[in-house]
Amino acid sequence: MMWPMPWLSPGVVYQASCYDKVMLALKIAVIAAEMSPYAKVGGLADVAYALPKHLKLLGHDVVAVIPYYKFMDLQNLAKELVGQQDVEFAGRTYHVKFLRTHLPAPQPVPVYFIYQEELFSGRNKVYGHSHDSLRFAFFDWCVFLLFEAIGWAPDVLHCHDAQTGLIPNYLRHVFAKKPFWQKTVTLFTIHNLLYQLVEGMWYQVPPEKRDRGHNTPPDDPAKLRTMNFTLRAIRNADLINTVSERYAQEILTKKFGEGLDGYLLRRRDRVFGIINGIDYSVFNPSLDHHLSIHYDWNSLDKKLVNKNALQNSLGLPSNRDVPLIGMAHRLTEQKGFDLILHILPALLRQPVQLVIVGGGDREYLRQFRQVAKRHPDQVAVHLEFSEPMASRIYAGSDMFLMPSRFEPCGISQLISLRYGSVPIVHKTGGLADTIVDFNPRTGVGTGFVFQTYDPDDFLVALVRAIETYKYPRVWEHLTWQAMRKSFSWELPTRKYVELYQRAIRLRHAVG
C-alpha cells in the first residue's frame, strides 16, 4: 500500500509521521566510498555506518556496499566470497570478486565489498590516486553486477557523494532496460558540493572540456578524468538531498552552488535536506574507551579530569581556570583556518589555550607549528588526525571551534555538544541548523554563533565565550544544556525512509 505524503517546498525536509510505522519494508542499498569501521577518511564513513543500522532497526532489508582497500587486510575481517567474474570496462578486462561480511549491530547488516586488486585492493589510500575517476566509475558499474550476481534487486540505491555519482546515470541509461532493475530508484546524497570530480575540482577543467552530464558515461579513461560525477547524479537521480536543511537551500544559489546551481534549480522540486545524526553508541563520553575517565552531564567534574590529562599529554600548563579551545578538523580553507590565523594574535593576548588536531594543507601546518613554538604555554598542535586524539580533544576542551566558511552539515559540532565542548560556529549550513546562540540573560542556547564570515565577527564570538567562561555556574549550565541536546539517527532515518517512498511514488507516477 502506498501512503500519500505532503508536497514540500524546495530545500525543506520531510517531517517524520505515523506513515513510517505502516510502510512496507524496503530493500535498501547504502553505497559509499568509505564506511566505519572498515575505511574512514571523514564524516561520510560515520554516516555510511550508522544509517544502515538504523534502517535495519525500522524493519527494512538493508545492505551496504563499499570498495575493498588493501589496509582492510590488517583488520582480520571475517569475510566470504559470494561471487566473482571478469568485467570488461574502459577497454580493459578486470577480475572482480564480491565479498561479504556483517556490520556488528543488534540486527547484523550485510556489508558487501567490491574487491579488485589493481584499482582498490592493492591500494592503501581511499582517495588521492591519479586514476580515481576510473576507479570509482568501475566501482559504480560493479554495484549493478554485484546485485545481479546475488539475485537481490534493491528498491532503493542510496548513493553517497561524488564517488557514487555515476550509479543514477548507469541505472537510467543502461540497467533500467533490464527487468531486474525496472523497479529500482535512486537517492543521491550531497555531503559536500565542492567535490564533483573524483580527481580534482571542476573549475580546474577548461570550459570547453567540461562534462555536461548527457547520456551514458564515456568508456574512455581520458574522458573519465574530466567527468563530473556529481552533475551526472543531479541529472539522473530520482531524488537529491543534502545533509542539512539550510544547505539544501544554499546550494540553489550562485554563492554555494559551486557552478551547479542552475542544474539544481531546474530540479529544485526534488532537492531536500536532512540533518545528519550521530551514533551515541560510538560518540559518547560515558562509553568512549579513549578517555581518561568516563562522564556525562551529571558528572561534569570528571570532564575536568580529561582536561587535565589533555593538557599534560600536550605539554600545556595544567590549569582548570583557563579555557581550553579545541579543534579536530582537516586543515583546509573551508574549515575557516584563514580566519583563525587572522585573529590568533588578538586571541593569544587572552588567558586561553588552543589545541589543534588534524592534517591537511601544508602551509597551514607550517604556520601552526610556528605559532606553537612561539607560544608553547598556550598553543599545542598534533598535526595528524586520529580517532583517539579527536576523542580526547572533545572531552578535554571547554570550547570547540568550527568557523567554517560553509558547512553542508558538520558532525564535529554535534559530537562536541555531547562531550560538553561548547561549539563556536559560523552561521552557515548545518551549523546554523544545529547550534543555538547562547543568550546569557535567558540562559537559552548551546553555543556561540557569529553571523558573517569575518575576522572581527569571529573574534567577538570568541571573546563572548571566554567572558562567559569566567562565570562557572553560567558555564556549567551552558555545558549541561549542550550535552543534553540530542541529534540521534532516529529522526533522520525516518525522514530518509519517507524520501525513499517518495522516490518510488514518483517513479510509479512516471511509469
Protein backbone atom coordinates (compact mmCIF):
# COMPACT_ATOMS: atom_id res chain seq x y z
CA MET A 1 0.00 0.00 0.00
CA MET A 2 1.38 3.41 -0.93
CA TRP A 3 0.63 6.19 1.51
CA PRO A 4 0.35 9.81 0.43
CA MET A 5 2.97 12.27 1.61
CA PRO A 6 2.85 16.07 1.74
CA TRP A 7 4.30 18.08 -1.13
CA LEU A 8 7.21 20.09 0.16
CA SER A 9 8.89 23.30 -0.93
CA PRO A 10 12.48 23.13 -2.25
CA GLY A 11 15.09 22.58 0.41
CA VAL A 12 12.61 21.53 3.11
CA VAL A 13 12.78 18.13 4.73
CA TYR A 14 10.01 15.66 5.34
CA GLN A 15 8.68 15.58 8.85
CA ALA A 16 8.52 12.14 10.40
CA SER A 17 4.95 10.90 10.56
CA CYS A 18 2.89 7.89 11.53
CA TYR A 19 3.27 6.59 7.96
CA ASP A 20 6.72 5.14 8.63
CA LYS A 21 5.10 2.73 11.14
CA VAL A 22 2.94 1.13 8.49
CA MET A 23 5.03 1.39 5.32
CA LEU A 24 6.06 -1.82 3.68
CA ALA A 25 9.64 -2.92 4.27
CA LEU A 26 12.02 -1.76 1.56
CA LYS A 27 15.14 -3.34 0.11
CA ILE A 28 17.74 -0.58 0.51
CA ALA A 29 21.38 -0.50 -0.60
CA VAL A 30 23.56 2.17 1.04
CA ILE A 31 26.59 2.79 -1.19
CA ALA A 32 29.68 4.85 -0.34
CA ALA A 33 33.44 5.05 -0.87
CA GLU A 34 34.12 4.76 2.87
CA MET A 35 32.41 3.28 5.90
CA SER A 36 33.38 2.90 9.54
CA PRO A 37 34.89 0.78 10.95
CA TYR A 38 36.41 -0.56 7.71
CA ALA A 39 37.61 2.61 5.96
CA LYS A 40 37.34 6.17 7.27
CA VAL A 41 38.60 9.47 5.88
CA GLY A 42 35.86 11.78 7.17
CA GLY A 43 32.31 12.07 8.44
CA LEU A 44 30.91 10.25 5.40
CA ALA A 45 32.21 7.00 6.89
CA ASP A 46 30.23 7.60 10.10
CA VAL A 47 27.03 8.27 8.14
CA ALA A 48 27.51 5.15 5.99
CA TYR A 49 27.97 3.13 9.18
CA ALA A 50 25.08 4.49 11.25
CA LEU A 51 22.30 4.87 8.66
CA PRO A 52 22.10 1.17 7.60
CA LYS A 53 21.95 0.09 11.26
CA HIS A 54 19.03 2.38 11.99
CA LEU A 55 17.20 1.50 8.78
CA LYS A 56 17.50 -2.14 9.83
CA LEU A 57 16.00 -1.33 13.23
CA LEU A 58 12.95 0.11 11.43
CA GLY A 59 12.41 -3.27 9.79
CA HIS A 60 13.90 -2.67 6.34
CA ASP A 61 16.08 -5.11 4.41
CA VAL A 62 19.36 -3.20 4.22
CA VAL A 63 22.83 -3.83 2.80
CA ALA A 64 25.87 -1.61 2.43
CA VAL A 65 28.44 -1.62 -0.41
CA ILE A 66 31.97 -0.16 -0.38
CA PRO A 67 35.25 -0.94 -2.16
CA TYR A 68 37.74 -3.29 -0.50
CA TYR A 69 41.04 -1.48 0.18
CA LYS A 70 44.42 -3.02 0.91
CA PHE A 71 44.60 -1.81 4.51
CA MET A 72 41.49 -3.84 5.33
CA ASP A 73 43.67 -6.96 5.21
CA LEU A 74 45.07 -5.87 8.56
CA GLN A 75 41.61 -5.86 10.17
CA ASN A 76 41.16 -9.66 10.06
CA LEU A 77 37.67 -9.34 8.61
CA ALA A 78 35.52 -12.44 8.66
CA LYS A 79 34.51 -12.24 5.00
CA GLU A 80 33.11 -14.71 2.50
CA LEU A 81 33.28 -14.87 -1.28
CA VAL A 82 29.80 -14.58 -2.79
CA GLY A 83 30.78 -14.24 -6.47
CA GLN A 84 33.47 -13.32 -8.97
CA GLN A 85 33.69 -12.51 -12.66
CA ASP A 86 35.73 -10.86 -15.38
CA VAL A 87 34.44 -7.39 -16.20
CA GLU A 88 35.01 -5.53 -19.47
CA PHE A 89 35.39 -1.85 -18.61
CA ALA A 90 37.08 1.14 -20.27
CA GLY A 91 38.90 -1.04 -22.79
CA ARG A 92 40.27 -3.47 -20.20
CA THR A 93 39.30 -6.72 -18.57
CA TYR A 94 39.31 -6.66 -14.77
CA HIS A 95 38.78 -9.63 -12.50
CA VAL A 96 36.49 -8.66 -9.63
CA LYS A 97 35.41 -10.53 -6.52
CA PHE A 98 32.33 -9.84 -4.41
CA LEU A 99 32.93 -10.36 -0.69
CA ARG A 100 30.52 -10.16 2.25
CA THR A 101 30.79 -9.54 5.96
CA HIS A 102 28.30 -8.26 8.54
CA LEU A 103 28.26 -4.97 10.38
CA PRO A 104 28.15 -5.58 14.14
CA ALA A 105 24.71 -4.48 15.27
CA PRO A 106 21.69 -5.73 17.23
CA GLN A 107 20.46 -6.96 13.83
CA PRO A 108 23.60 -7.50 11.71
CA VAL A 109 23.68 -5.61 8.41
CA PRO A 110 25.37 -7.33 5.43
CA VAL A 111 28.28 -5.34 4.03
CA TYR A 112 29.47 -6.18 0.50
CA PHE A 113 32.94 -5.32 -0.77
CA ILE A 114 33.95 -4.79 -4.39
CA TYR A 115 37.38 -6.44 -4.49
CA GLN A 116 39.62 -5.59 -7.44
CA GLU A 117 43.36 -5.86 -6.93
CA GLU A 118 44.62 -3.21 -9.36
CA LEU A 119 42.06 -0.49 -8.64
CA PHE A 120 41.26 -0.93 -4.95
CA SER A 121 42.52 -3.96 -3.09
CA GLY A 122 46.15 -3.19 -3.86
CA ARG A 123 45.75 0.44 -2.74
CA ASN A 124 46.32 1.70 0.79
CA LYS A 125 44.58 5.07 0.28
CA VAL A 126 40.87 5.61 -0.25
CA TYR A 127 41.41 8.76 -2.35
CA GLY A 128 44.28 10.61 -3.96
CA HIS A 129 45.29 8.33 -6.83
CA SER A 130 45.95 9.56 -10.36
CA HIS A 131 43.17 7.36 -11.77
CA ASP A 132 40.46 7.86 -9.14
CA SER A 133 37.83 8.60 -11.79
CA LEU A 134 38.43 5.23 -13.42
CA ARG A 135 38.47 3.51 -10.01
CA PHE A 136 35.13 4.85 -8.86
CA ALA A 137 33.45 4.61 -12.26
CA PHE A 138 34.40 0.93 -12.16
CA PHE A 139 33.09 0.62 -8.61
CA ASP A 140 29.75 2.19 -9.61
CA TRP A 141 29.42 -0.20 -12.54
CA CYS A 142 30.23 -3.21 -10.37
CA VAL A 143 27.50 -2.34 -7.88
CA PHE A 144 24.98 -3.46 -10.50
CA LEU A 145 26.92 -6.62 -11.29
CA LEU A 146 27.08 -7.47 -7.58
CA PHE A 147 23.33 -7.38 -7.06
CA GLU A 148 22.66 -9.29 -10.26
CA ALA A 149 25.17 -11.93 -9.12
CA ILE A 150 23.49 -12.44 -5.73
CA GLY A 151 19.97 -12.09 -7.13
CA TRP A 152 18.95 -9.21 -4.81
CA ALA A 153 17.11 -6.40 -6.62
CA PRO A 154 17.09 -3.24 -4.46
CA ASP A 155 14.09 -0.99 -4.24
CA VAL A 156 16.46 1.88 -3.47
CA LEU A 157 20.08 2.61 -4.34
CA HIS A 158 21.13 5.27 -1.82
CA CYS A 159 24.29 6.84 -3.25
CA HIS A 160 26.56 8.99 -1.10
CA ASP A 161 28.66 11.79 -2.58
CA ALA A 162 30.58 12.17 -5.83
CA GLN A 163 32.29 8.77 -5.84
CA THR A 164 28.90 7.08 -6.32
CA GLY A 165 27.53 9.72 -8.69
CA LEU A 166 27.53 7.52 -11.80
CA ILE A 167 25.15 4.97 -10.28
CA PRO A 168 21.99 7.01 -11.05
CA ASN A 169 23.43 7.67 -14.53
CA TYR A 170 24.15 3.98 -15.22
CA LEU A 171 20.75 2.95 -13.89
CA ARG A 172 18.78 5.36 -16.07
CA HIS A 173 20.72 4.88 -19.31
CA VAL A 174 21.86 1.24 -19.13
CA PHE A 175 20.45 -1.02 -16.43
CA ALA A 176 16.84 0.21 -16.22
CA LYS A 177 16.25 -1.55 -19.54
CA LYS A 178 16.60 -4.87 -17.73
CA PRO A 179 13.56 -6.31 -15.88
CA PHE A 180 15.76 -6.90 -12.83
CA TRP A 181 16.19 -3.12 -12.34
CA GLN A 182 12.87 -1.70 -13.53
CA LYS A 183 11.54 -1.00 -10.02
CA THR A 184 14.76 0.43 -8.56
CA VAL A 185 15.01 4.13 -7.66
CA THR A 186 17.99 6.26 -6.66
CA LEU A 187 18.58 8.85 -3.96
CA PHE A 188 21.78 10.88 -4.24
CA THR A 189 23.07 12.49 -1.04
CA ILE A 190 25.38 15.51 -1.41
CA HIS A 191 27.75 15.64 1.54
CA ASN A 192 29.83 18.47 0.03
CA LEU A 193 29.02 20.02 -3.33
CA LEU A 194 32.53 21.43 -3.63
CA TYR A 195 33.83 18.00 -4.65
CA GLN A 196 32.41 16.99 -8.02
CA LEU A 197 35.32 15.45 -9.89
CA VAL A 198 36.87 12.41 -8.29
CA GLU A 199 40.36 13.59 -9.33
CA GLY A 200 40.13 17.31 -8.63
CA MET A 201 37.98 20.43 -8.94
CA TRP A 202 35.60 21.09 -11.81
CA TYR A 203 36.94 24.65 -12.08
CA GLN A 204 40.35 23.21 -13.00
CA VAL A 205 38.89 21.75 -16.21
CA PRO A 206 38.92 24.12 -19.21
CA PRO A 207 35.35 25.20 -20.05
CA GLU A 208 35.45 23.54 -23.48
CA LYS A 209 36.28 20.18 -21.86
CA ARG A 210 33.78 20.29 -19.02
CA ASP A 211 31.32 17.44 -18.77
CA ARG A 212 27.66 18.37 -19.35
CA GLY A 213 26.34 15.09 -17.98
CA HIS A 214 24.38 13.93 -21.01
CA ASN A 215 23.61 10.30 -21.81
CA THR A 216 25.75 7.33 -20.74
CA PRO A 217 29.17 7.99 -19.12
CA PRO A 218 32.03 7.65 -21.61
CA ASP A 219 34.05 4.44 -21.70
CA ASP A 220 37.29 6.29 -22.39
CA PRO A 221 39.73 6.60 -19.42
CA ALA A 222 40.90 10.03 -20.66
CA LYS A 223 37.34 11.38 -20.76
CA LEU A 224 36.57 9.83 -17.38
CA ARG A 225 39.20 12.11 -15.83
CA THR A 226 37.14 15.25 -16.57
CA MET A 227 33.72 13.73 -15.94
CA ASN A 228 31.60 15.46 -13.32
CA PHE A 229 30.25 12.62 -11.19
CA THR A 230 28.07 14.93 -9.09
CA LEU A 231 26.48 16.64 -12.08
CA ARG A 232 25.55 13.28 -13.57
CA ALA A 233 23.91 12.25 -10.30
CA ILE A 234 21.97 15.53 -10.12
CA ARG A 235 20.70 14.99 -13.66
CA ASN A 236 19.69 11.37 -13.19
CA ALA A 237 18.79 10.61 -9.57
CA ASP A 238 15.12 10.28 -8.70
CA LEU A 239 15.67 12.49 -5.65
CA ILE A 240 18.58 14.53 -4.29
CA ASN A 241 19.25 15.53 -0.72
CA THR A 242 21.86 17.39 1.26
CA VAL A 243 22.86 16.79 4.86
CA SER A 244 21.13 19.82 6.35
CA GLU A 245 18.02 21.85 5.58
CA ARG A 246 19.86 25.15 5.21
CA TYR A 247 22.49 23.70 2.86
CA ALA A 248 19.69 22.37 0.63
CA GLN A 249 18.59 25.98 0.17
CA GLU A 250 22.12 27.40 -0.09
CA ILE A 251 23.19 25.18 -3.00
CA LEU A 252 20.40 26.65 -5.12
CA THR A 253 22.33 29.95 -5.10
CA LYS A 254 25.43 31.01 -7.02
CA LYS A 255 27.32 31.62 -3.77
CA PHE A 256 27.11 27.99 -2.66
CA GLY A 257 26.10 26.18 -5.84
CA GLU A 258 29.71 25.55 -6.97
CA GLY A 259 28.73 26.05 -10.62
CA LEU A 260 25.83 23.57 -10.45
CA ASP A 261 23.16 25.89 -9.05
CA GLY A 262 21.48 26.14 -12.48
CA TYR A 263 21.12 22.37 -12.76
CA LEU A 264 19.88 22.14 -9.17
CA LEU A 265 17.35 24.94 -9.68
CA ARG A 266 15.86 23.07 -12.63
CA ARG A 267 15.26 20.11 -10.29
CA ARG A 268 14.55 22.08 -7.15
CA ASP A 269 11.31 20.19 -6.54
CA ARG A 270 13.48 17.10 -6.00
CA VAL A 271 16.09 18.66 -3.68
CA PHE A 272 15.64 18.20 0.07
CA GLY A 273 17.63 18.47 3.28
CA ILE A 274 18.04 16.06 6.18
CA ILE A 275 20.38 16.84 9.05
CA ASN A 276 22.84 14.06 9.83
CA GLY A 277 22.59 12.29 13.14
CA ILE A 278 25.38 10.86 15.24
CA ASP A 279 25.58 7.41 16.75
CA TYR A 280 25.57 7.81 20.53
CA SER A 281 26.76 4.25 20.98
CA VAL A 282 30.03 5.47 19.41
CA PHE A 283 30.29 9.19 20.25
CA ASN A 284 29.50 9.18 23.94
CA PRO A 285 31.75 10.30 26.83
CA SER A 286 30.14 7.76 29.13
CA LEU A 287 31.31 4.93 26.83
CA ASP A 288 34.36 6.24 24.93
CA HIS A 289 37.33 3.99 25.78
CA HIS A 290 39.82 6.63 24.58
CA LEU A 291 39.14 8.88 27.59
CA SER A 292 40.95 9.06 30.92
CA ILE A 293 37.64 8.80 32.74
CA HIS A 294 34.02 8.48 31.63
CA TYR A 295 31.49 11.19 32.40
CA ASP A 296 28.06 12.53 31.48
CA TRP A 297 26.05 15.70 32.07
CA ASN A 298 25.53 14.73 35.72
CA SER A 299 29.25 14.30 36.41
CA LEU A 300 30.91 17.32 34.82
CA ASP A 301 33.66 17.31 37.46
CA LYS A 302 35.05 14.24 35.67
CA LYS A 303 35.32 16.24 32.43
CA LEU A 304 37.96 18.32 34.24
CA VAL A 305 39.99 15.14 34.74
CA ASN A 306 40.06 14.71 30.96
CA LYS A 307 41.04 18.37 30.54
CA ASN A 308 43.97 17.92 32.91
CA ALA A 309 45.06 14.72 31.09
CA LEU A 310 44.94 16.50 27.71
CA GLN A 311 46.97 19.45 29.00
CA ASN A 312 49.60 17.12 30.47
CA SER A 313 49.85 14.97 27.33
CA LEU A 314 50.46 18.03 25.12
CA GLY A 315 52.83 19.86 27.45
CA LEU A 316 50.43 22.68 28.32
CA PRO A 317 50.24 24.07 31.86
CA SER A 318 47.57 22.29 33.87
CA ASN A 319 45.04 24.98 34.75
CA ARG A 320 41.32 24.41 35.11
CA ASP A 321 40.60 28.16 35.17
CA VAL A 322 42.00 28.82 31.69
CA PRO A 323 39.54 27.97 28.89
CA LEU A 324 40.91 25.28 26.58
CA ILE A 325 39.77 25.70 22.96
CA GLY A 326 39.95 22.62 20.74
CA MET A 327 39.81 21.85 17.04
CA ALA A 328 39.84 18.46 15.35
CA HIS A 329 39.47 19.02 11.60
CA ARG A 330 41.27 18.64 8.35
CA LEU A 331 43.23 21.88 7.90
CA THR A 332 41.57 23.40 4.83
CA GLU A 333 40.38 26.86 3.83
CA GLN A 334 36.75 25.68 4.02
CA LYS A 335 37.09 24.99 7.76
CA GLY A 336 37.94 28.61 8.50
CA PHE A 337 41.66 28.35 9.17
CA ASP A 338 42.29 31.67 7.39
CA LEU A 339 40.05 33.34 9.96
CA ILE A 340 41.82 31.60 12.82
CA LEU A 341 45.27 32.70 11.67
CA HIS A 342 43.98 36.24 11.24
CA ILE A 343 42.67 36.56 14.81
CA LEU A 344 45.35 34.49 16.59
CA PRO A 345 47.48 37.46 17.74
CA ALA A 346 44.44 39.02 19.42
CA LEU A 347 43.18 35.70 20.78
CA LEU A 348 46.50 34.79 22.38
CA ARG A 349 46.51 38.04 24.34
CA GLN A 350 43.61 36.47 26.23
CA PRO A 351 44.13 33.86 29.00
CA VAL A 352 43.36 30.86 26.76
CA GLN A 353 44.88 27.62 25.50
CA LEU A 354 44.40 26.34 21.93
CA VAL A 355 44.82 22.74 20.76
CA ILE A 356 44.60 21.79 17.08
CA VAL A 357 44.47 18.21 15.79
CA GLY A 358 44.42 17.25 12.12
CA GLY A 359 46.39 17.03 8.89
CA GLY A 360 45.82 18.91 5.67
CA ASP A 361 47.21 21.92 3.83
CA ARG A 362 51.00 22.11 4.22
CA GLU A 363 51.06 25.89 4.58
CA TYR A 364 48.55 25.78 7.42
CA LEU A 365 50.58 23.03 9.08
CA ARG A 366 53.74 25.12 8.83
CA GLN A 367 52.12 28.24 10.25
CA PHE A 368 50.52 26.49 13.21
CA ARG A 369 53.78 24.74 14.07
CA GLN A 370 55.46 28.16 14.20
CA VAL A 371 52.69 29.57 16.42
CA ALA A 372 53.06 26.61 18.79
CA LYS A 373 56.82 27.19 19.05
CA ARG A 374 56.32 30.88 19.85
CA HIS A 375 53.54 30.21 22.40
CA PRO A 376 54.32 26.81 24.00
CA ASP A 377 52.21 27.56 27.10
CA GLN A 378 49.16 28.45 25.05
CA VAL A 379 49.19 26.51 21.77
CA ALA A 380 49.70 22.80 21.09
CA VAL A 381 49.37 21.09 17.73
CA HIS A 382 49.04 17.41 16.87
CA LEU A 383 49.12 17.56 13.09
CA GLU A 384 47.91 14.08 12.34
CA PHE A 385 44.28 13.10 12.76
CA SER A 386 43.38 10.04 14.80
CA GLU A 387 40.12 8.93 16.39
CA PRO A 388 41.65 8.53 19.89
CA MET A 389 43.14 12.02 19.79
CA ALA A 390 39.91 13.55 18.47
CA SER A 391 38.00 11.96 21.37
CA ARG A 392 40.45 13.46 23.85
CA ILE A 393 40.01 16.89 22.26
CA TYR A 394 36.22 16.70 22.58
CA ALA A 395 36.44 15.50 26.18
CA GLY A 396 39.29 17.77 27.33
CA SER A 397 38.37 21.08 25.69
CA ASP A 398 35.94 23.61 27.08
CA MET A 399 35.14 25.09 23.65
CA PHE A 400 35.24 23.70 20.13
CA LEU A 401 35.97 25.83 17.04
CA MET A 402 34.08 25.41 13.75
CA PRO A 403 34.33 28.75 11.94
CA SER A 404 33.70 27.09 8.57
CA ARG A 405 33.24 29.29 5.51
CA PHE A 406 30.48 26.84 4.53
CA GLU A 407 29.40 23.59 6.13
CA PRO A 408 26.93 21.17 4.48
CA CYS A 409 26.13 19.65 7.86
CA GLY A 410 29.07 19.10 10.15
CA ILE A 411 29.30 16.21 12.54
CA SER A 412 32.05 17.60 14.75
CA GLN A 413 29.80 20.22 16.34
CA LEU A 414 27.23 17.52 17.14
CA ILE A 415 29.88 15.39 18.81
CA SER A 416 31.26 18.39 20.70
CA LEU A 417 27.80 19.06 22.14
CA ARG A 418 27.55 15.59 23.64
CA TYR A 419 31.09 15.83 25.07
CA GLY A 420 30.39 19.22 26.64
CA SER A 421 32.81 21.18 24.47
CA VAL A 422 30.76 24.27 23.67
CA PRO A 423 30.86 24.98 19.90
CA ILE A 424 31.80 28.36 18.40
CA VAL A 425 30.46 28.37 14.84
CA HIS A 426 29.74 30.45 11.75
CA LYS A 427 26.04 30.72 10.92
CA THR A 428 26.05 28.64 7.75
CA GLY A 429 24.67 25.32 6.51
CA GLY A 430 24.25 22.65 9.13
CA LEU A 431 25.97 24.77 11.76
CA ALA A 432 23.09 27.25 11.57
CA ASP A 433 20.59 24.39 11.77
CA THR A 434 22.10 22.74 14.85
CA ILE A 435 23.65 25.38 17.14
CA VAL A 436 21.60 27.99 19.02
CA ASP A 437 23.44 31.15 20.03
CA PHE A 438 23.72 31.42 23.83
CA ASN A 439 21.81 34.23 25.48
CA PRO A 440 23.23 34.90 28.98
CA ARG A 441 20.07 36.75 30.04
CA THR A 442 17.69 33.88 29.32
CA GLY A 443 20.17 31.02 29.67
CA VAL A 444 18.96 29.61 26.33
CA GLY A 445 21.44 28.32 23.76
CA THR A 446 24.02 25.65 23.06
CA GLY A 447 26.99 27.59 21.66
CA PHE A 448 28.29 30.87 20.26
CA VAL A 449 27.34 31.85 16.70
CA PHE A 450 28.80 34.60 14.52
CA GLN A 451 26.74 35.85 11.59
CA THR A 452 29.22 36.86 8.88
CA TYR A 453 32.41 35.17 7.70
CA ASP A 454 34.58 37.96 9.01
CA PRO A 455 37.56 38.00 11.45
CA ASP A 456 36.05 40.71 13.64
CA ASP A 457 32.71 38.90 13.94
CA PHE A 458 34.55 35.66 14.72
CA LEU A 459 36.71 37.32 17.39
CA VAL A 460 33.64 38.83 19.06
CA ALA A 461 32.09 35.34 19.35
CA LEU A 462 35.32 34.01 20.87
CA VAL A 463 35.52 36.84 23.39
CA ARG A 464 31.86 36.30 24.32
CA ALA A 465 32.67 32.65 25.03
CA ILE A 466 35.80 33.49 27.02
CA GLU A 467 33.94 36.07 29.12
CA THR A 468 31.09 33.64 29.79
CA TYR A 469 33.63 31.04 30.96
CA LYS A 470 34.58 33.39 33.81
CA TYR A 471 31.22 32.63 35.44
CA PRO A 472 31.43 28.96 36.48
CA ARG A 473 27.75 28.46 37.29
CA VAL A 474 26.65 30.00 33.98
CA TRP A 475 29.22 27.92 32.07
CA GLU A 476 28.18 24.73 33.82
CA HIS A 477 24.57 25.39 32.90
CA LEU A 478 25.54 26.02 29.27
CA THR A 479 27.64 22.85 29.14
CA TRP A 480 24.89 20.78 30.76
CA GLN A 481 22.37 22.19 28.30
CA ALA A 482 24.60 21.42 25.31
CA MET A 483 25.24 17.85 26.44
CA ARG A 484 21.53 17.10 26.76
CA LYS A 485 20.83 18.15 23.16
CA SER A 486 20.02 15.08 21.06
CA PHE A 487 20.90 14.56 17.40
CA SER A 488 20.41 10.81 17.26
CA TRP A 489 19.81 8.93 14.00
CA GLU A 490 16.23 8.01 14.87
CA LEU A 491 14.51 11.00 13.26
CA PRO A 492 16.86 11.37 10.23
CA THR A 493 16.38 7.67 9.46
CA ARG A 494 12.60 8.07 9.32
CA LYS A 495 12.98 11.10 7.09
CA TYR A 496 15.17 9.07 4.72
CA VAL A 497 12.52 6.36 4.57
CA GLU A 498 9.97 8.98 3.55
CA LEU A 499 12.29 10.17 0.78
CA TYR A 500 12.70 6.59 -0.44
CA GLN A 501 8.92 6.21 -0.53
CA ARG A 502 8.53 9.50 -2.36
CA ALA A 503 11.08 8.45 -4.98
CA ILE A 504 9.19 5.21 -5.52
CA ARG A 505 5.90 7.06 -5.83
CA LEU A 506 7.40 9.46 -8.41
CA ARG A 507 8.80 6.57 -10.42
CA HIS A 508 5.43 4.83 -10.45
CA ALA A 509 3.68 8.04 -11.49
CA VAL A 510 6.03 8.33 -14.45
CA GLY A 511 5.54 4.67 -15.27
